[in-house]
Amino acid sequence: MEMYHNEQNSKSAEVKPYKLLMFTCYGGCALGVAASKACIRLWEENPDDIKIGCLPAVIVPWKLKEIIRNSEKRILIDACAIRCGFKLAEKEGLTVNRYIELTSTMGMKKIKKIPSRELEDEVYQLIKSEIEALFAN
């Protein structure tokens, strides 16, 4: 039994493009964890239109092509101002339609702890509003 999706399988599979593919970098902090939880929630709420993408996979050339081919729009969320996700996407040639860097956008510092429910809700609303604006265009 084959456990991993490989290049051959991906080429033969007919996949309807997702309306939106979301990428997030945890940043090892409360905002990053909140963003990841928000992305999971948004995917659960919109399973036919939204999917979470694997950010590190963009370094694999065939996977990057598949990501671009199978997504109509892409959003990237970085937890902190180091912008690791942005730098990786830029280096590998992954274009995004929306970019959010949470510490600057929310006027918060990077804190190494689990987020509060309030912070999770605030980040969820921010990402949701960005997605709604993206779908409106």
C-alpha atoms as a PDB file:
ATOM      1  CA  MET A   1       0.000   0.000   0.000  1.00  0.00           C
ATOM      2  CA  GLU A   2       1.380   3.372  -0.973  1.00  0.00           C
ATOM      3  CA  MET A   3       1.206   5.859   1.890  1.00  0.00           C
ATOM      4  CA  TYR A   4       2.369   9.004   0.153  1.00  0.00           C
ATOM      5  CA  HIS A   5       1.004  10.950  -2.784  1.00  0.00           C
ATOM      6  CA  ASN A   6       3.696  11.041  -5.429  1.00  0.00           C
ATOM      7  CA  GLU A   7       4.352  13.000  -8.586  1.00  0.00           C
ATOM      8  CA  GLN A   8       2.873  10.310 -10.838  1.00  0.00           C
ATOM      9  CA  ASN A   9      -0.387  10.201  -8.883  1.00  0.00           C
ATOM     10  CA  SER A  10      -0.715  13.976  -8.919  1.00  0.00           C
ATOM     11  CA  LYS A  11      -0.272  14.177 -12.687  1.00  0.00           C
ATOM     12  CA  SER A  12      -2.942  11.608 -13.409  1.00  0.00           C
ATOM     13  CA  ALA A  13      -5.537  12.905 -10.981  1.00  0.00           C
ATOM     14  CA  GLU A  14      -8.105  15.374 -12.282  1.00  0.00           C
ATOM     15  CA  VAL A  15      -8.579  17.959  -9.572  1.00  0.00           C
ATOM     16  CA  LYS A  16     -11.076  20.803  -9.624  1.00  0.00           C
ATOM     17  CA  PRO A  17      -9.149  23.920  -8.588  1.00  0.00           C
ATOM     18  CA  TYR A  18      -9.872  25.257  -5.134  1.00  0.00           C
ATOM     19  CA  LYS A  19     -11.245  28.775  -5.046  1.00  0.00           C
ATOM     20  CA  LEU A  20      -8.747  29.554  -2.289  1.00  0.00           C
ATOM     21  CA  LEU A  21      -5.643  27.898  -0.912  1.00  0.00           C
ATOM     22  CA  MET A  22      -4.492  29.212   2.489  1.00  0.00           C
ATOM     23  CA  PHE A  23      -0.918  29.109   3.742  1.00  0.00           C
ATOM     24  CA  THR A  24       0.208  30.054   7.228  1.00  0.00           C
ATOM     25  CA  CYS A  25       3.477  30.192   9.126  1.00  0.00           C
ATOM     26  CA  TYR A  26       2.997  29.480  12.822  1.00  0.00           C
ATOM     27  CA  GLY A  27       5.783  31.798  13.890  1.00  0.00           C
ATOM     28  CA  GLY A  28       6.011  29.704  17.056  1.00  0.00           C
ATOM     29  CA  CYS A  29       3.700  32.142  18.825  1.00  0.00           C
ATOM     30  CA  ALA A  30       0.147  32.884  19.942  1.00  0.00           C
ATOM     31  CA  LEU A  31      -0.775  34.735  16.743  1.00  0.00           C
ATOM     32  CA  GLY A  32       0.512  31.904  14.570  1.00  0.00           C
ATOM     33  CA  VAL A  33      -1.382  29.246  16.496  1.00  0.00           C
ATOM     34  CA  ALA A  34      -4.511  31.417  16.323  1.00  0.00           C
ATOM     35  CA  ALA A  35      -4.031  31.836  12.558  1.00  0.00           C
ATOM     36  CA  SER A  36      -3.634  28.109  12.062  1.00  0.00           C
ATOM     37  CA  LYS A  37      -6.785  27.415  14.066  1.00  0.00           C
ATOM     38  CA  ALA A  38      -8.619  30.069  12.048  1.00  0.00           C
ATOM     39  CA  CYS A  39      -7.518  28.454   8.786  1.00  0.00           C
ATOM     40  CA  ILE A  40      -8.725  25.052   9.956  1.00  0.00           C
ATOM     41  CA  ARG A  41     -12.069  26.553  10.982  1.00  0.00           C
ATOM     42  CA  LEU A  42     -12.472  28.359   7.662  1.00  0.00           C
ATOM     43  CA  TRP A  43     -11.688  25.154   5.783  1.00  0.00           C
ATOM     44  CA  GLU A  44     -14.263  23.276   7.859  1.00  0.00           C
ATOM     45  CA  GLU A  45     -16.845  25.961   7.122  1.00  0.00           C
ATOM     46  CA  ASN A  46     -16.062  26.027   3.373  1.00  0.00           C
ATOM     47  CA  PRO A  47     -14.801  22.544   2.427  1.00  0.00           C
ATOM     48  CA  ASP A  48     -15.709  22.880  -1.252  1.00  0.00           C
ATOM     49  CA  ASP A  49     -14.022  26.243  -1.772  1.00  0.00           C
ATOM     50  CA  ILE A  50     -11.115  26.529   0.667  1.00  0.00           C
ATOM     51  CA  LYS A  51      -8.174  24.286   1.476  1.00  0.00           C
ATOM     52  CA  ILE A  52      -5.057  24.623   3.597  1.00  0.00           C
ATOM     53  CA  GLY A  53      -1.840  24.347   1.611  1.00  0.00           C
ATOM     54  CA  CYS A  54       1.474  22.960   2.821  1.00  0.00           C
ATOM     55  CA  LEU A  55       3.841  25.932   2.852  1.00  0.00           C
ATOM     56  CA  PRO A  56       7.103  23.915   2.965  1.00  0.00           C
ATOM     57  CA  ALA A  57       5.945  21.951  -0.108  1.00  0.00           C
ATOM     58  CA  VAL A  58       6.577  24.987  -2.324  1.00  0.00           C
ATOM     59  CA  ILE A  59      10.280  24.033  -2.406  1.00  0.00           C
ATOM     60  CA  VAL A  60       9.395  20.888  -4.400  1.00  0.00           C
ATOM     61  CA  PRO A  61       9.197  22.012  -8.055  1.00  0.00           C
ATOM     62  CA  TRP A  62       6.415  19.642  -9.201  1.00  0.00           C
ATOM     63  CA  LYS A  63       4.411  20.371  -6.040  1.00  0.00           C
ATOM     64  CA  LEU A  64       4.695  24.138  -6.567  1.00  0.00           C
ATOM     65  CA  LYS A  65       3.332  23.707 -10.105  1.00  0.00           C
ATOM     66  CA  GLU A  66       0.480  21.595  -8.728  1.00  0.00           C
ATOM     67  CA  ILE A  67      -0.294  24.203  -6.043  1.00  0.00           C
ATOM     68  CA  ILE A  68      -0.478  26.986  -8.620  1.00  0.00           C
ATOM     69  CA  ARG A  69      -2.509  24.889 -11.069  1.00  0.00           C
ATOM     70  CA  ASN A  70      -4.996  23.688  -8.444  1.00  0.00           C
ATOM     71  CA  SER A  71      -5.823  27.004  -6.785  1.00  0.00           C
ATOM     72  CA  GLU A  72      -7.620  29.990  -8.241  1.00  0.00           C
ATOM     73  CA  LYS A  73      -6.485  32.306  -5.426  1.00  0.00           C
ATOM     74  CA  ARG A  74      -3.992  32.092  -2.584  1.00  0.00           C
ATOM     75  CA  ILE A  75      -3.612  33.826   0.772  1.00  0.00           C
ATOM     76  CA  LEU A  76      -0.505  33.737   2.962  1.00  0.00           C
ATOM     77  CA  ILE A  77      -0.529  34.569   6.657  1.00  0.00           C
ATOM     78  CA  ASP A  78       2.703  35.151   8.576  1.00  0.00           C
ATOM     79  CA  ALA A  79       2.467  35.317  12.339  1.00  0.00           C
ATOM     80  CA  CYS A  80       5.354  37.715  12.846  1.00  0.00           C
ATOM     81  CA  ALA A  81       7.469  40.390  11.204  1.00  0.00           C
ATOM     82  CA  ILE A  82      10.279  37.973  10.334  1.00  0.00           C
ATOM     83  CA  ARG A  83       7.998  37.011   7.415  1.00  0.00           C
ATOM     84  CA  CYS A  84       9.354  33.481   6.921  1.00  0.00           C
ATOM     85  CA  GLY A  85       6.346  32.399   4.884  1.00  0.00           C
ATOM     86  CA  PHE A  86       6.564  35.429   2.611  1.00  0.00           C
ATOM     87  CA  LYS A  87      10.302  34.939   2.077  1.00  0.00           C
ATOM     88  CA  LEU A  88       9.843  31.261   1.239  1.00  0.00           C
ATOM     89  CA  ALA A  89       6.979  31.970  -1.167  1.00  0.00           C
ATOM     90  CA  GLU A  90       8.913  34.777  -2.840  1.00  0.00           C
ATOM     91  CA  LYS A  91      12.098  32.697  -3.178  1.00  0.00           C
ATOM     92  CA  GLU A  92      10.228  29.784  -4.748  1.00  0.00           C
ATOM     93  CA  GLY A  93       7.970  31.884  -7.001  1.00  0.00           C
ATOM     94  CA  LEU A  94       4.640  31.289  -5.261  1.00  0.00           C
ATOM     95  CA  THR A  95       2.426  34.286  -5.904  1.00  0.00           C
ATOM     96  CA  VAL A  96      -0.374  35.133  -3.499  1.00  0.00           C
ATOM     97  CA  ASN A  97      -3.450  37.303  -3.904  1.00  0.00           C
ATOM     98  CA  ARG A  98      -3.492  38.412  -0.263  1.00  0.00           C
ATOM     99  CA  TYR A  99      -0.791  38.648   2.367  1.00  0.00           C
ATOM    100  CA  ILE A 100      -1.223  39.296   6.082  1.00  0.00           C
ATOM    101  CA  GLU A 101       1.550  39.742   8.631  1.00  0.00           C
ATOM    102  CA  LEU A 102      -0.256  39.535  11.954  1.00  0.00           C
ATOM    103  CA  THR A 103       2.015  41.313  14.454  1.00  0.00           C
ATOM    104  CA  SER A 104       2.038  44.504  12.366  1.00  0.00           C
ATOM    105  CA  THR A 105      -1.579  44.251  11.224  1.00  0.00           C
ATOM    106  CA  MET A 106      -2.863  43.692  14.749  1.00  0.00           C
ATOM    107  CA  GLY A 107      -0.338  45.924  16.523  1.00  0.00           C
ATOM    108  CA  MET A 108       0.808  43.084  18.769  1.00  0.00           C
ATOM    109  CA  LYS A 109       4.109  41.606  19.828  1.00  0.00           C
ATOM    110  CA  LYS A 110       5.176  38.045  19.180  1.00  0.00           C
ATOM    111  CA  ILE A 111       4.363  36.115  22.357  1.00  0.00           C
ATOM    112  CA  LYS A 112       5.493  32.517  22.869  1.00  0.00           C
ATOM    113  CA  LYS A 113       2.318  31.102  24.404  1.00  0.00           C
ATOM    114  CA  ILE A 114      -0.995  29.481  23.547  1.00  0.00           C
ATOM    115  CA  PRO A 115      -3.542  32.073  22.342  1.00  0.00           C
ATOM    116  CA  SER A 116      -6.596  33.046  24.350  1.00  0.00           C
ATOM    117  CA  ARG A 117     -10.046  32.314  22.909  1.00  0.00           C
ATOM    118  CA  GLU A 118     -10.483  36.065  22.421  1.00  0.00           C
ATOM    119  CA  LEU A 119      -7.305  36.286  20.354  1.00  0.00           C
ATOM    120  CA  GLU A 120      -8.341  33.233  18.334  1.00  0.00           C
ATOM    121  CA  ASP A 121     -11.686  34.879  17.554  1.00  0.00           C
ATOM    122  CA  GLU A 122     -10.037  38.179  16.627  1.00  0.00           C
ATOM    123  CA  VAL A 123      -7.584  36.480  14.249  1.00  0.00           C
ATOM    124  CA  TYR A 124     -10.393  34.363  12.772  1.00  0.00           C
ATOM    125  CA  GLN A 125     -12.469  37.493  12.040  1.00  0.00           C
ATOM    126  CA  LEU A 126      -9.477  39.244  10.457  1.00  0.00           C
ATOM    127  CA  ILE A 127      -8.649  36.323   8.163  1.00  0.00           C
ATOM    128  CA  LYS A 128     -12.317  35.739   7.344  1.00  0.00           C
ATOM    129  CA  SER A 129     -12.766  39.390   6.329  1.00  0.00           C
ATOM    130  CA  GLU A 130      -9.667  39.209   4.103  1.00  0.00           C
ATOM    131  CA  ILE A 131     -11.052  36.081   2.442  1.00  0.00           C
ATOM    132  CA  GLU A 132     -14.451  37.706   1.925  1.00  0.00           C
ATOM    133  CA  ALA A 133     -12.758  40.712   0.299  1.00  0.00           C
ATOM    134  CA  LEU A 134     -10.720  38.370  -1.881  1.00  0.00           C
ATOM    135  CA  PHE A 135     -13.837  36.489  -3.013  1.00  0.00           C
ATOM    136  CA  ALA A 136     -15.615  39.802  -3.730  1.00  0.00           C
ATOM    137  CA  ASN A 137     -13.007  40.633  -6.390  1.00  0.00           C
END
